[in-house]
């Protein structure tokens, strides 16, 4: 498959692109006068910031962790205007309201901090030097999806320094006048085919003049080629994955064998090639059968680790592409087969490397911390974009829109909040019927394909007895099990779904800083004994089909990682892996 170093959108690759990361002019605008003073026409005297690192981080070159609600960026770039081409400016992530000016002209705005968004700047771009100015407006508002970003002036509990402004790659792409905008691929494991939906910017009245050619390859051998015309504004068709002569059995994607197929899309008009996009897909089936999770029709026992995706000097932004790869390698060496990416929509290169390394992923939405019309609108709008953006990655095996009733704090009894959780469940299913959805991870479930439990008890015997009493009181919603929470909201009941301990552990090794769950382990021996005992308690609970250990790395004041923030080991990977292997089913 085609992979270009640092290319930010590995599932949709074109050759003609320009990375705009690097030094930008930067100013704080605490009085919010920049638009009135027209900073976009004459940028004020400024400092430099290293994009895509936010001003709160050391790697940005600024390292100021105080709250600034209005900030500005400016960069001069060189561009060549080509007849019949469009210039698209992409932001992989910028938090929260992003406004763009090109050569002094307003080009658009976006709300939301976690999804990719783009502007067609063709009408504003000039041959030669161009002036790009960006304003970002952010706040500590609990109406915004903010995940683990603090909503107070100081960090507290498990909420960390805020992330303001551009925090993922900014890049420019030159595309044809008519081009492929996005693709939705759905491999069918049972039928051994691929359902394809391709969206373009072609005017509906002209679609009859265009065709899409799709080519599927494996190990550089062409297996199938098909040309298709549009149906009702989109190109929608199916293709067999194996070759026409059925020589090749379909190779299923799994953690043990992460087989991937290459696929290329070509847009033609009157047999003239206009646009070409390279991608890939994996053929795998994730399903729920009674109390079991199945991968490719075989029972799957999940051994996940919780990963918040923070780095010491760059916070939510990976310091480089190699850091993404290193984290996945660490997870594999510890013996886990999955990552719960917690309260973050990660850099898409992370999903690419999970795809090629066979790492299972739960895709989660960063939480709001209020329930009102504004928060519901922000949250729903961005969740739709996140699911659509990451739909085609085979590594993602579940969607988790809500966590621990954050933003729906009264969901246990509040019917409106229960309706919102259920609405997110069905909305996600309408966008993606191929993956399980966990509507409120941890407790107070409503409708959910998998029932998940968060329990940080440090006594393994107590943890085991909690979930193995004669009447299974927690599972049957007869008792509160942690922090005054029951497993289900209102009148909702357990109906035989798979059960996963999706947060536990959080053990802190003895040190003078930060915190962990329960009493810190005095030394490595005590830590490993507790770690093994907790894992064993979960393994012996027969109806539990997997777990997620908290957590992979230390994060700022939360010091309970298997490695520290710089990814230095606290324990032998071989010892942790051995415990994980013993505690498997």
Protein backbone atom coordinates (compact mmCIF):
# COMPACT_ATOMS: atom_id res chain seq x y z
CA UNK A 1 0.00 0.00 0.00
CA UNK A 2 1.03 3.57 -0.59
CA UNK A 3 2.37 5.27 2.55
CA UNK A 4 4.12 8.62 2.43
CA UNK A 5 5.93 9.67 5.60
CA UNK A 6 3.92 12.20 7.60
CA UNK A 7 1.04 12.03 5.11
CA UNK A 8 -1.92 12.85 7.36
CA UNK A 9 -4.75 10.96 5.59
CA UNK A 10 -3.36 7.47 4.84
CA UNK A 11 -6.71 6.06 3.71
CA UNK A 12 -7.01 8.54 0.86
CA UNK A 13 -3.63 9.32 -0.70
CA UNK A 14 -2.78 11.69 -3.53
CA UNK A 15 0.75 12.65 -4.55
CA UNK A 16 0.22 16.39 -4.89
CA UNK A 17 0.27 17.82 -1.35
CA UNK A 18 2.19 20.24 0.85
CA UNK A 19 2.73 19.95 4.60
CA UNK A 20 2.24 23.34 6.31
CA UNK A 21 3.50 22.24 9.72
CA UNK A 22 6.43 24.21 11.04
CA UNK A 23 6.96 27.81 12.09
CA UNK A 24 3.97 30.16 12.00
CA UNK A 25 3.56 33.67 13.35
CA UNK A 26 1.49 33.63 16.55
CA UNK A 27 -0.20 36.14 18.84
CA UNK A 28 -2.56 36.06 21.80
CA UNK A 29 -5.64 38.25 21.44
CA UNK A 30 -6.92 38.43 25.00
CA UNK A 31 -8.94 41.58 24.29
CA UNK A 32 -10.49 39.92 21.21
CA UNK A 33 -9.73 42.86 18.94
CA UNK A 34 -8.06 40.98 16.10
CA UNK A 35 -11.03 40.91 13.75
CA UNK A 36 -11.81 44.58 14.37
CA UNK A 37 -8.15 45.49 13.81
CA UNK A 38 -8.03 43.22 10.74
CA UNK A 39 -5.08 41.05 11.77
CA UNK A 40 -5.82 39.08 8.59
CA UNK A 41 -4.74 42.06 6.47
CA UNK A 42 -1.76 43.14 8.50
CA UNK A 43 -0.59 40.60 11.03
CA UNK A 44 0.77 42.28 14.19
CA UNK A 45 4.25 41.86 15.54
CA UNK A 46 4.32 38.28 16.69
CA UNK A 47 6.25 35.44 18.22
CA UNK A 48 6.78 32.09 16.52
CA UNK A 49 4.94 28.86 17.25
CA UNK A 50 5.79 25.40 15.95
CA UNK A 51 2.59 23.99 14.43
CA UNK A 52 0.94 21.54 15.15
CA UNK A 53 1.89 21.90 18.81
CA UNK A 54 -0.38 24.10 20.92
CA UNK A 55 0.92 27.08 22.85
CA UNK A 56 0.47 25.14 26.12
CA UNK A 57 3.22 22.66 25.16
CA UNK A 58 6.99 22.86 25.35
CA UNK A 59 7.33 21.66 21.76
CA UNK A 60 5.38 24.67 20.51
CA UNK A 61 8.21 26.93 21.69
CA UNK A 62 5.82 28.93 23.90
CA UNK A 63 4.96 26.68 26.89
CA UNK A 64 2.26 28.88 28.43
CA UNK A 65 -0.43 26.86 30.22
CA UNK A 66 -2.73 29.74 31.11
CA UNK A 67 -6.06 30.17 29.33
CA UNK A 68 -6.16 32.41 26.25
CA UNK A 69 -9.53 32.33 24.51
CA UNK A 70 -8.51 34.02 21.24
CA UNK A 71 -5.32 33.23 19.36
CA UNK A 72 -4.04 33.97 15.85
CA UNK A 73 -1.69 32.21 13.42
CA UNK A 74 -0.09 33.50 10.24
CA UNK A 75 2.04 31.86 7.57
CA UNK A 76 3.33 32.81 4.12
CA UNK A 77 3.24 29.94 1.64
CA UNK A 78 4.20 29.50 -1.99
CA UNK A 79 1.57 28.18 -4.39
CA UNK A 80 1.24 27.78 -8.12
CA UNK A 81 -2.21 28.33 -9.60
CA UNK A 82 -2.97 25.67 -12.22
CA UNK A 83 -5.88 25.88 -14.61
CA UNK A 84 -8.45 23.17 -13.93
CA UNK A 85 -7.16 22.54 -10.40
CA UNK A 86 -8.60 23.29 -6.97
CA UNK A 87 -6.59 24.07 -3.85
CA UNK A 88 -7.91 22.48 -0.65
CA UNK A 89 -6.61 23.49 2.77
CA UNK A 90 -7.04 20.73 5.37
CA UNK A 91 -6.93 20.94 9.16
CA UNK A 92 -6.66 17.53 10.82
CA UNK A 93 -7.67 19.06 14.16
CA UNK A 94 -8.05 22.54 15.66
CA UNK A 95 -9.85 23.28 18.90
CA UNK A 96 -12.48 24.84 18.95
CA UNK A 97 -13.80 27.54 16.54
CA UNK A 98 -11.41 27.99 13.63
CA UNK A 99 -11.70 30.91 11.22
CA UNK A 100 -9.64 31.25 8.04
CA UNK A 101 -8.52 34.19 5.89
CA UNK A 102 -6.50 33.79 2.70
CA UNK A 103 -4.78 36.89 1.31
CA UNK A 104 -7.04 39.04 3.46
CA UNK A 105 -10.31 37.42 2.34
CA UNK A 106 -12.51 35.42 4.69
CA UNK A 107 -12.59 31.78 3.54
CA UNK A 108 -14.76 30.07 6.18
CA UNK A 109 -14.99 28.67 9.71
CA UNK A 110 -15.41 25.38 11.56
CA UNK A 111 -16.69 24.37 14.99
CA UNK A 112 -15.34 21.34 16.84
CA UNK A 113 -11.93 20.27 18.08
CA UNK A 114 -11.42 16.67 17.03
CA UNK A 115 -12.40 16.01 13.40
CA UNK A 116 -10.77 16.83 10.07
CA UNK A 117 -12.18 19.81 8.18
CA UNK A 118 -11.27 21.44 4.90
CA UNK A 119 -11.65 24.69 2.95
CA UNK A 120 -11.63 25.10 -0.81
CA UNK A 121 -9.41 28.18 -1.13
CA UNK A 122 -9.15 28.15 -4.93
CA UNK A 123 -10.94 31.50 -5.25
CA UNK A 124 -8.45 33.22 -2.94
CA UNK A 125 -5.09 31.71 -3.86
CA UNK A 126 -2.53 33.56 -5.99
CA UNK A 127 0.46 32.51 -8.05
CA UNK A 128 3.52 32.86 -5.83
CA UNK A 129 3.37 34.01 -2.22
CA UNK A 130 0.12 33.69 -0.28
CA UNK A 131 -0.84 34.86 3.18
CA UNK A 132 -2.71 32.38 5.42
CA UNK A 133 -4.24 33.73 8.64
CA UNK A 134 -6.11 31.64 11.20
CA UNK A 135 -8.01 32.70 14.30
CA UNK A 136 -9.00 30.08 16.88
CA UNK A 137 -11.54 30.73 19.64
CA UNK A 138 -11.58 28.36 22.59
CA UNK A 139 -12.69 28.42 26.22
CA UNK A 140 -13.17 26.25 29.28
CA UNK A 141 -16.82 25.75 28.35
CA UNK A 142 -18.30 22.45 29.50
CA UNK A 143 -20.69 22.57 26.52
CA UNK A 144 -17.82 21.76 24.15
CA UNK A 145 -16.62 18.21 23.58
CA UNK A 146 -13.34 18.42 25.51
CA UNK A 147 -12.48 14.94 26.71
CA UNK A 148 -9.69 15.10 29.28
CA UNK A 149 -9.00 18.81 28.80
CA UNK A 150 -9.55 20.59 32.09
CA UNK A 151 -12.50 22.97 32.44
CA UNK A 152 -11.01 24.83 35.39
CA UNK A 153 -7.97 27.11 35.48
CA UNK A 154 -5.91 24.43 37.20
CA UNK A 155 -5.58 20.73 36.47
CA UNK A 156 -7.51 18.43 38.81
CA UNK A 157 -8.24 14.73 39.30
CA UNK A 158 -7.93 13.12 35.83
CA UNK A 159 -8.35 16.33 33.81
CA UNK A 160 -5.25 17.86 32.30
CA UNK A 161 -3.95 21.05 30.70
CA UNK A 162 -6.31 22.34 28.01
CA UNK A 163 -5.53 22.10 24.28
CA UNK A 164 -6.15 25.34 22.41
CA UNK A 165 -5.92 25.87 18.67
CA UNK A 166 -4.18 23.85 15.96
CA UNK A 167 -3.03 20.49 17.35
CA UNK A 168 -2.89 18.28 14.27
CA UNK A 169 -1.35 18.63 10.83
CA UNK A 170 -2.29 21.51 8.50
CA UNK A 171 -1.78 20.73 4.83
CA UNK A 172 -2.67 21.73 1.29
CA UNK A 173 -3.79 19.43 -1.48
CA UNK A 174 -4.21 20.25 -5.17
CA UNK A 175 -7.06 18.33 -6.77
CA UNK A 176 -8.85 18.42 -10.16
CA UNK A 177 -11.84 20.68 -10.74
CA UNK A 178 -14.02 17.58 -10.33
CA UNK A 179 -12.62 15.09 -7.85
CA UNK A 180 -13.26 12.27 -5.38
CA UNK A 181 -14.23 13.84 -2.05
CA UNK A 182 -14.63 10.73 0.14
CA UNK A 183 -15.07 6.97 0.03
CA UNK A 184 -16.99 4.60 2.30
CA UNK A 185 -15.88 0.96 2.02
CA UNK A 186 -17.69 -1.91 3.72
CA UNK A 187 -16.00 -5.32 3.36
CA UNK A 188 -18.42 -8.23 3.73
CA UNK A 189 -16.65 -11.20 5.31
CA UNK A 190 -19.50 -13.61 4.56
CA UNK A 191 -20.10 -12.61 0.94
CA UNK A 192 -16.39 -12.06 0.25
CA UNK A 193 -17.11 -8.75 -1.43
CA UNK A 194 -16.73 -5.03 -0.91
CA UNK A 195 -19.56 -2.49 -0.89
CA UNK A 196 -18.32 0.88 -2.12
CA UNK A 197 -19.82 4.36 -1.88
CA UNK A 198 -17.90 7.20 -3.51
CA UNK A 199 -18.80 10.84 -3.08
CA UNK A 200 -17.61 13.50 -5.54
CA UNK A 201 -18.15 17.21 -6.06
CA UNK A 202 -19.60 16.70 -9.55
CA UNK A 203 -22.82 18.53 -10.29
CA UNK A 204 -25.72 16.08 -10.23
CA UNK A 205 -26.85 17.07 -13.73
CA UNK A 206 -23.46 16.12 -15.20
CA UNK A 207 -22.90 12.78 -13.47
CA UNK A 208 -23.76 10.72 -16.56
CA UNK A 209 -20.53 11.91 -18.19
CA UNK A 210 -18.34 10.38 -15.46
CA UNK A 211 -17.19 6.91 -14.42
CA UNK A 212 -15.24 5.53 -11.49
CA UNK A 213 -12.76 2.72 -12.02
CA UNK A 214 -11.82 0.67 -8.96
CA UNK A 215 -8.86 -1.69 -8.85
CA UNK A 216 -8.27 -4.19 -6.02
CA UNK A 217 -4.80 -5.66 -5.50
CA UNK A 218 -3.06 -7.95 -3.05
CA UNK A 219 0.73 -8.24 -2.97
CA UNK A 220 0.83 -6.19 -6.20
CA UNK A 221 -1.35 -8.70 -8.04
CA UNK A 222 -4.53 -7.27 -9.57
CA UNK A 223 -7.55 -9.23 -8.32
CA UNK A 224 -10.45 -7.25 -9.74
CA UNK A 225 -11.20 -4.10 -11.74
CA UNK A 226 -14.59 -2.52 -12.21
CA UNK A 227 -15.99 0.63 -13.81
CA UNK A 228 -19.26 2.10 -12.62
CA UNK A 229 -21.50 5.10 -13.22
CA UNK A 230 -23.19 7.16 -10.55
CA UNK A 231 -26.54 6.30 -9.04
CA UNK A 232 -28.51 9.13 -7.43
CA UNK A 233 -25.54 11.45 -6.90
CA UNK A 234 -23.11 8.83 -5.58
CA UNK A 235 -21.11 6.03 -7.13
CA UNK A 236 -22.42 2.96 -5.32
CA UNK A 237 -21.56 -0.63 -6.25
CA UNK A 238 -20.15 -3.95 -5.03
CA UNK A 239 -17.01 -5.84 -6.04
CA UNK A 240 -15.83 -9.38 -5.43
CA UNK A 241 -12.61 -9.31 -3.46
CA UNK A 242 -11.14 -12.51 -4.90
CA UNK A 243 -10.03 -12.49 -8.52
CA UNK A 244 -12.29 -13.45 -11.41
CA UNK A 245 -10.91 -16.99 -11.57
CA UNK A 246 -11.33 -17.52 -7.79
CA UNK A 247 -7.68 -18.54 -7.49
CA UNK A 248 -7.21 -16.71 -4.23
CA UNK A 249 -9.12 -17.27 -1.00
CA UNK A 250 -9.98 -14.03 0.74
CA UNK A 251 -7.43 -13.25 3.42
CA UNK A 252 -9.14 -12.09 6.60
CA UNK A 253 -7.70 -9.29 8.75
CA UNK A 254 -6.95 -10.23 12.38
CA UNK A 255 -4.41 -9.37 15.10
CA UNK A 256 -2.44 -12.47 14.15
CA UNK A 257 -2.63 -11.82 10.40
CA UNK A 258 -3.39 -8.18 9.59
CA UNK A 259 -3.81 -8.75 5.87
CA UNK A 260 -4.65 -5.60 3.90
CA UNK A 261 -5.73 -5.15 0.31
CA UNK A 262 -4.68 -2.18 -1.82
CA UNK A 263 -7.40 -0.33 -3.67
CA UNK A 264 -7.21 2.51 -6.17
CA UNK A 265 -10.05 4.76 -7.35
CA UNK A 266 -9.85 6.59 -10.68
CA UNK A 267 -12.33 9.20 -11.83
CA UNK A 268 -12.81 9.45 -15.60
CA UNK A 269 -14.71 11.82 -17.85
CA UNK A 270 -15.12 10.65 -21.45
CA UNK A 271 -12.33 8.13 -20.80
CA UNK A 272 -9.91 10.85 -19.67
CA UNK A 273 -8.39 10.27 -16.22
CA UNK A 274 -9.15 13.21 -13.90
CA UNK A 275 -8.40 12.01 -10.38
CA UNK A 276 -6.69 9.05 -8.72
CA UNK A 277 -6.78 8.13 -5.03
CA UNK A 278 -4.88 5.26 -3.37
CA UNK A 279 -6.24 3.44 -0.32
CA UNK A 280 -6.51 0.06 1.38
CA UNK A 281 -8.99 -2.08 3.27
CA UNK A 282 -9.09 -5.13 5.53
CA UNK A 283 -11.67 -7.89 5.38
CA UNK A 284 -12.90 -8.69 8.84
CA UNK A 285 -16.19 -9.20 10.67
CA UNK A 286 -16.84 -8.08 14.22
CA UNK A 287 -20.09 -9.37 15.70
CA UNK A 288 -21.91 -10.16 18.92
CA UNK A 289 -23.42 -13.60 19.42
CA UNK A 290 -25.19 -13.83 22.75
CA UNK A 291 -22.62 -13.18 25.46
CA UNK A 292 -19.62 -13.54 23.13
CA UNK A 293 -17.77 -11.13 20.87
CA UNK A 294 -16.70 -12.75 17.61
CA UNK A 295 -13.96 -11.73 15.21
CA UNK A 296 -14.34 -13.47 11.85
CA UNK A 297 -16.87 -15.82 13.51
CA UNK A 298 -14.35 -16.94 16.16
CA UNK A 299 -14.63 -16.02 19.83
CA UNK A 300 -12.53 -13.00 20.75
CA UNK A 301 -11.20 -12.36 24.24
CA UNK A 302 -10.24 -8.70 24.45
CA UNK A 303 -7.06 -7.76 26.28
CA UNK A 304 -6.93 -4.00 25.97
CA UNK A 305 -5.02 -1.21 27.58
CA UNK A 306 -6.42 2.29 28.06
CA UNK A 307 -4.41 4.91 26.16
CA UNK A 308 -5.11 8.62 26.56
CA UNK A 309 -2.63 9.67 23.90
CA UNK A 310 -0.65 12.29 25.85
CA UNK A 311 3.06 13.07 25.63
CA UNK A 312 5.13 14.98 28.18
CA UNK A 313 6.26 17.83 25.92
CA UNK A 314 3.49 17.85 23.30
CA UNK A 315 0.34 16.82 25.22
CA UNK A 316 -2.38 15.54 22.82
CA UNK A 317 -0.18 15.90 19.74
CA UNK A 318 2.22 13.05 18.94
CA UNK A 319 5.76 14.51 18.83
CA UNK A 320 6.35 12.75 15.50
CA UNK A 321 5.17 9.77 13.47
CA UNK A 322 7.73 7.50 15.10
CA UNK A 323 6.13 8.17 18.51
CA UNK A 324 2.83 6.75 17.23
CA UNK A 325 4.55 3.60 16.03
CA UNK A 326 6.47 3.24 19.29
CA UNK A 327 3.31 3.33 21.42
CA UNK A 328 1.70 0.55 19.39
CA UNK A 329 4.88 -1.51 19.66
CA UNK A 330 4.89 -1.02 23.44
CA UNK A 331 1.28 -2.21 23.67
CA UNK A 332 2.06 -5.35 21.66
CA UNK A 333 5.15 -6.14 23.74
CA UNK A 334 3.08 -5.88 26.93
CA UNK A 335 0.87 -8.64 25.53
CA UNK A 336 -2.31 -6.70 24.73
CA UNK A 337 -4.34 -7.16 21.56
CA UNK A 338 -6.28 -3.89 21.74
CA UNK A 339 -6.23 -0.22 22.67
CA UNK A 340 -9.10 1.77 24.10
CA UNK A 341 -8.20 5.24 22.82
CA UNK A 342 -9.74 7.20 25.68
CA UNK A 343 -11.53 10.54 25.29
CA UNK A 344 -9.64 11.43 22.13
CA UNK A 345 -9.93 11.19 18.36
CA UNK A 346 -6.36 10.28 17.57
CA UNK A 347 -4.22 11.33 14.63
CA UNK A 348 -5.39 9.14 11.73
CA UNK A 349 -1.85 7.83 11.28
CA UNK A 350 -2.37 6.02 14.58
CA UNK A 351 -5.27 4.08 13.05
CA UNK A 352 -3.17 3.33 9.97
CA UNK A 353 -0.43 1.78 12.09
CA UNK A 354 -3.03 -0.16 14.09
CA UNK A 355 -4.42 -1.43 10.78
CA UNK A 356 -1.05 -2.70 9.56
CA UNK A 357 -0.04 -4.10 12.96
CA UNK A 358 -3.30 -5.90 13.76
CA UNK A 359 -4.10 -3.79 16.83
CA UNK A 360 -7.79 -3.70 17.82
CA UNK A 361 -9.18 -0.26 18.72
CA UNK A 362 -12.25 1.13 20.46
CA UNK A 363 -13.10 4.51 18.92
CA UNK A 364 -14.33 6.96 21.55
CA UNK A 365 -15.76 10.48 21.52
CA UNK A 366 -14.41 13.17 23.88
CA UNK A 367 -17.09 14.13 26.40
CA UNK A 368 -18.94 17.33 27.15
CA UNK A 369 -19.71 18.02 30.82
CA UNK A 370 -23.17 19.55 30.53
CA UNK A 371 -26.52 18.46 29.16
CA UNK A 372 -28.34 21.17 27.25
CA UNK A 373 -29.31 22.01 23.69
CA UNK A 374 -25.90 23.50 22.94
CA UNK A 375 -23.87 20.54 24.20
CA UNK A 376 -26.17 18.03 22.49
CA UNK A 377 -25.76 19.88 19.19
CA UNK A 378 -21.97 20.22 19.46
CA UNK A 379 -21.54 16.62 20.51
CA UNK A 380 -23.84 15.04 17.94
CA UNK A 381 -22.50 17.10 15.06
CA UNK A 382 -18.89 16.17 15.79
CA UNK A 383 -19.60 12.52 16.57
CA UNK A 384 -21.16 12.09 13.12
CA UNK A 385 -18.02 13.53 11.54
CA UNK A 386 -15.69 11.34 13.62
CA UNK A 387 -17.53 8.11 12.75
CA UNK A 388 -17.61 8.96 9.05
CA UNK A 389 -13.94 9.99 9.04
CA UNK A 390 -12.68 6.76 10.63
CA UNK A 391 -15.27 4.29 9.31
CA UNK A 392 -12.96 2.48 6.87
CA UNK A 393 -10.26 1.47 9.37
CA UNK A 394 -10.44 -2.30 10.05
CA UNK A 395 -8.70 -1.86 13.41
CA UNK A 396 -11.73 -0.08 14.89
CA UNK A 397 -14.04 -2.78 16.27
CA UNK A 398 -16.40 -0.76 18.51
CA UNK A 399 -17.77 2.76 18.91
CA UNK A 400 -18.01 4.44 22.33
CA UNK A 401 -19.86 7.78 22.17
CA UNK A 402 -20.29 8.30 25.95
CA UNK A 403 -18.15 7.50 29.01
CA UNK A 404 -19.20 7.17 32.66
CA UNK A 405 -22.31 9.35 32.24
CA UNK A 406 -20.10 12.41 31.61
CA UNK A 407 -22.36 15.10 30.21
CA UNK A 408 -25.42 13.05 31.16
CA UNK A 409 -24.83 13.02 34.89
CA UNK A 410 -28.47 12.27 35.77
CA UNK A 411 -28.95 9.50 33.20
CA UNK A 412 -29.74 6.95 35.93
CA UNK A 413 -33.19 8.51 36.32
CA UNK A 414 -33.49 11.31 33.76
CA UNK A 415 -35.51 10.10 30.77
CA UNK A 416 -34.26 12.92 28.50
CA UNK A 417 -30.67 11.95 29.15
CA UNK A 418 -31.51 8.29 28.59
CA UNK A 419 -33.12 9.31 25.29
CA UNK A 420 -29.91 11.08 24.28
CA UNK A 421 -27.78 8.01 25.05
CA UNK A 422 -30.20 5.86 23.04
CA UNK A 423 -30.29 8.41 20.23
CA UNK A 424 -26.49 8.23 19.98
CA UNK A 425 -26.69 4.43 19.90
CA UNK A 426 -29.17 4.40 17.01
CA UNK A 427 -27.50 7.32 15.23
CA UNK A 428 -24.19 5.43 15.29
CA UNK A 429 -25.92 2.29 14.05
CA UNK A 430 -27.45 4.27 11.18
CA UNK A 431 -23.96 5.36 10.12
CA UNK A 432 -22.29 1.99 10.79
CA UNK A 433 -24.22 -1.24 11.19
CA UNK A 434 -21.05 -3.34 11.15
CA UNK A 435 -19.67 -2.54 14.63
CA UNK A 436 -20.99 -2.88 18.20
CA UNK A 437 -21.91 0.37 19.97
CA UNK A 438 -21.42 0.99 23.69
CA UNK A 439 -23.67 3.93 24.43
CA UNK A 440 -22.38 4.81 27.93
CA UNK A 441 -19.18 3.03 28.86
CA UNK A 442 -18.68 2.00 32.49
CA UNK A 443 -22.09 2.10 34.15
CA UNK A 444 -25.70 3.32 33.90
CA UNK A 445 -26.16 1.68 30.51
CA UNK A 446 -29.24 2.16 28.41
CA UNK A 447 -29.33 0.34 25.05
CA UNK A 448 -25.89 -1.13 24.40
CA UNK A 449 -24.44 -4.00 22.36
CA UNK A 450 -21.81 -4.65 25.03
CA UNK A 451 -22.15 -4.09 28.77
CA UNK A 452 -19.02 -2.55 30.27
CA UNK A 453 -17.89 -2.09 33.86
CA UNK A 454 -15.42 0.34 35.43
CA UNK A 455 -14.17 -0.77 38.83
CA UNK A 456 -10.93 0.33 40.45
CA UNK A 457 -11.05 -1.85 43.55
CA UNK A 458 -7.48 -2.79 44.43
CA UNK A 459 -8.34 -5.90 46.45
CA UNK A 460 -8.59 -8.78 43.96
CA UNK A 461 -10.67 -10.98 46.27
CA UNK A 462 -13.13 -8.15 46.80
CA UNK A 463 -13.25 -7.48 43.05
CA UNK A 464 -13.98 -11.13 42.34
CA UNK A 465 -16.68 -11.44 45.02
CA UNK A 466 -18.40 -8.30 43.74
CA UNK A 467 -19.18 -9.96 40.41
CA UNK A 468 -19.56 -13.60 41.47
CA UNK A 469 -22.15 -13.56 44.26
CA UNK A 470 -25.01 -16.06 43.97
CA UNK A 471 -27.60 -13.64 42.55
CA UNK A 472 -25.12 -11.62 40.39
CA UNK A 473 -26.50 -8.50 42.03
CA UNK A 474 -24.41 -6.04 40.01
CA UNK A 475 -25.26 -7.63 36.67
CA UNK A 476 -28.95 -7.76 37.58
CA UNK A 477 -28.94 -4.13 38.73
CA UNK A 478 -29.79 -4.94 42.34
CA UNK A 479 -26.89 -3.01 43.87
CA UNK A 480 -24.51 -0.12 43.36
CA UNK A 481 -20.99 -1.32 42.68
CA UNK A 482 -18.82 1.81 42.60
CA UNK A 483 -19.30 5.51 43.38
CA UNK A 484 -23.08 5.09 43.88
CA UNK A 485 -23.56 3.79 40.34
CA UNK A 486 -25.63 0.86 39.17
CA UNK A 487 -24.87 -0.96 35.96
CA UNK A 488 -28.09 0.10 34.20
CA UNK A 489 -30.13 3.27 34.07
CA UNK A 490 -33.78 3.35 35.10
CA UNK A 491 -35.67 0.23 34.06
CA UNK A 492 -33.01 -1.04 31.64
CA UNK A 493 -31.83 -4.57 32.33
CA UNK A 494 -29.14 -7.00 31.35
CA UNK A 495 -30.25 -9.00 28.31
CA UNK A 496 -27.36 -11.41 27.77
CA UNK A 497 -24.83 -9.16 26.00
CA UNK A 498 -21.06 -9.63 26.31
CA UNK A 499 -19.62 -8.12 29.50
CA UNK A 500 -16.22 -6.43 29.56
CA UNK A 501 -14.30 -4.91 32.47
CA UNK A 502 -13.37 -1.86 30.42
CA UNK A 503 -11.55 0.02 33.21
CA UNK A 504 -9.71 -1.44 36.20
CA UNK A 505 -6.28 -1.30 37.78
CA UNK A 506 -4.86 2.21 37.75
CA UNK A 507 -2.15 1.03 40.15
CA UNK A 508 0.48 3.58 41.09
CA UNK A 509 4.04 2.51 41.76
CA UNK A 510 5.54 4.22 44.79
CA UNK A 511 6.73 7.79 44.05
CA UNK A 512 6.44 11.29 45.53
CA UNK A 513 4.30 12.82 42.75
CA UNK A 514 0.86 12.41 41.28
CA UNK A 515 -1.80 9.89 42.12
CA UNK A 516 -3.21 6.49 41.22
CA UNK A 517 -6.16 4.41 42.36
CA UNK A 518 -6.05 2.96 45.87
CA UNK A 519 -2.88 2.63 47.89
CA UNK A 520 0.27 2.88 45.82
CA UNK A 521 2.37 -0.23 45.48
CA UNK A 522 5.45 0.01 47.65
CA UNK A 523 7.72 -1.65 45.10
CA UNK A 524 7.72 -3.52 41.80
CA UNK A 525 7.07 -6.87 43.49
CA UNK A 526 3.89 -5.60 45.19
CA UNK A 527 2.76 -3.95 41.97
CA UNK A 528 3.14 -7.11 39.90
CA UNK A 529 1.42 -9.25 42.52
CA UNK A 530 -1.57 -6.90 42.59
CA UNK A 531 -1.62 -6.61 38.79
CA UNK A 532 -1.63 -10.41 38.40
CA UNK A 533 -4.29 -10.91 41.10
CA UNK A 534 -6.67 -8.34 39.57
CA UNK A 535 -6.24 -9.89 36.13
CA UNK A 536 -6.89 -13.33 37.60
CA UNK A 537 -10.09 -12.13 39.30
CA UNK A 538 -11.40 -10.92 35.96
CA UNK A 539 -10.34 -14.06 34.11
CA UNK A 540 -12.09 -16.30 36.65
CA UNK A 541 -15.35 -14.37 36.22
CA UNK A 542 -16.73 -16.62 33.52
CA UNK A 543 -19.21 -14.24 31.92
CA UNK A 544 -16.60 -11.51 31.41
CA UNK A 545 -15.24 -11.64 27.85
CA UNK A 546 -12.36 -9.20 28.10
CA UNK A 547 -10.80 -6.28 29.90
CA UNK A 548 -9.09 -2.93 29.53
CA UNK A 549 -6.32 -2.11 32.00
CA UNK A 550 -5.74 1.48 33.14
CA UNK A 551 -3.35 2.54 31.72
CA UNK A 552 -0.53 2.63 29.17
CA UNK A 553 1.30 5.81 30.20
CA UNK A 554 1.48 8.30 33.02
CA UNK A 555 -0.40 11.48 32.12
CA UNK A 556 0.64 14.67 33.89
CA UNK A 557 -0.62 14.34 37.49
CA UNK A 558 -2.08 10.85 36.91
CA UNK A 559 0.88 8.56 37.61
CA UNK A 560 -0.47 5.06 37.04
CA UNK A 561 0.93 4.04 33.67
CA UNK A 562 2.88 0.94 32.74
CA UNK A 563 5.41 3.41 31.31
CA UNK A 564 6.05 7.02 32.24
CA UNK A 565 5.22 10.02 30.05
CA UNK A 566 8.52 9.70 28.19
CA UNK A 567 7.75 5.98 27.52
CA UNK A 568 10.42 4.67 29.83
CA UNK A 569 9.56 1.24 31.22
CA UNK A 570 8.61 0.85 34.86
CA UNK A 571 8.38 -2.94 34.53
CA UNK A 572 9.69 -5.69 32.34
CA UNK A 573 7.52 -6.01 29.24
CA UNK A 574 8.14 -9.76 29.29
CA UNK A 575 6.75 -10.08 32.85
CA UNK A 576 3.62 -8.02 32.07
CA UNK A 577 3.11 -9.96 28.83
CA UNK A 578 3.41 -13.29 30.64
CA UNK A 579 0.73 -12.25 33.13
CA UNK A 580 -1.53 -11.13 30.27
CA UNK A 581 -1.02 -14.44 28.47
CA UNK A 582 -1.78 -16.47 31.59
CA UNK A 583 -4.91 -14.44 32.15
CA UNK A 584 -6.38 -15.17 28.73
CA UNK A 585 -9.18 -17.44 27.72
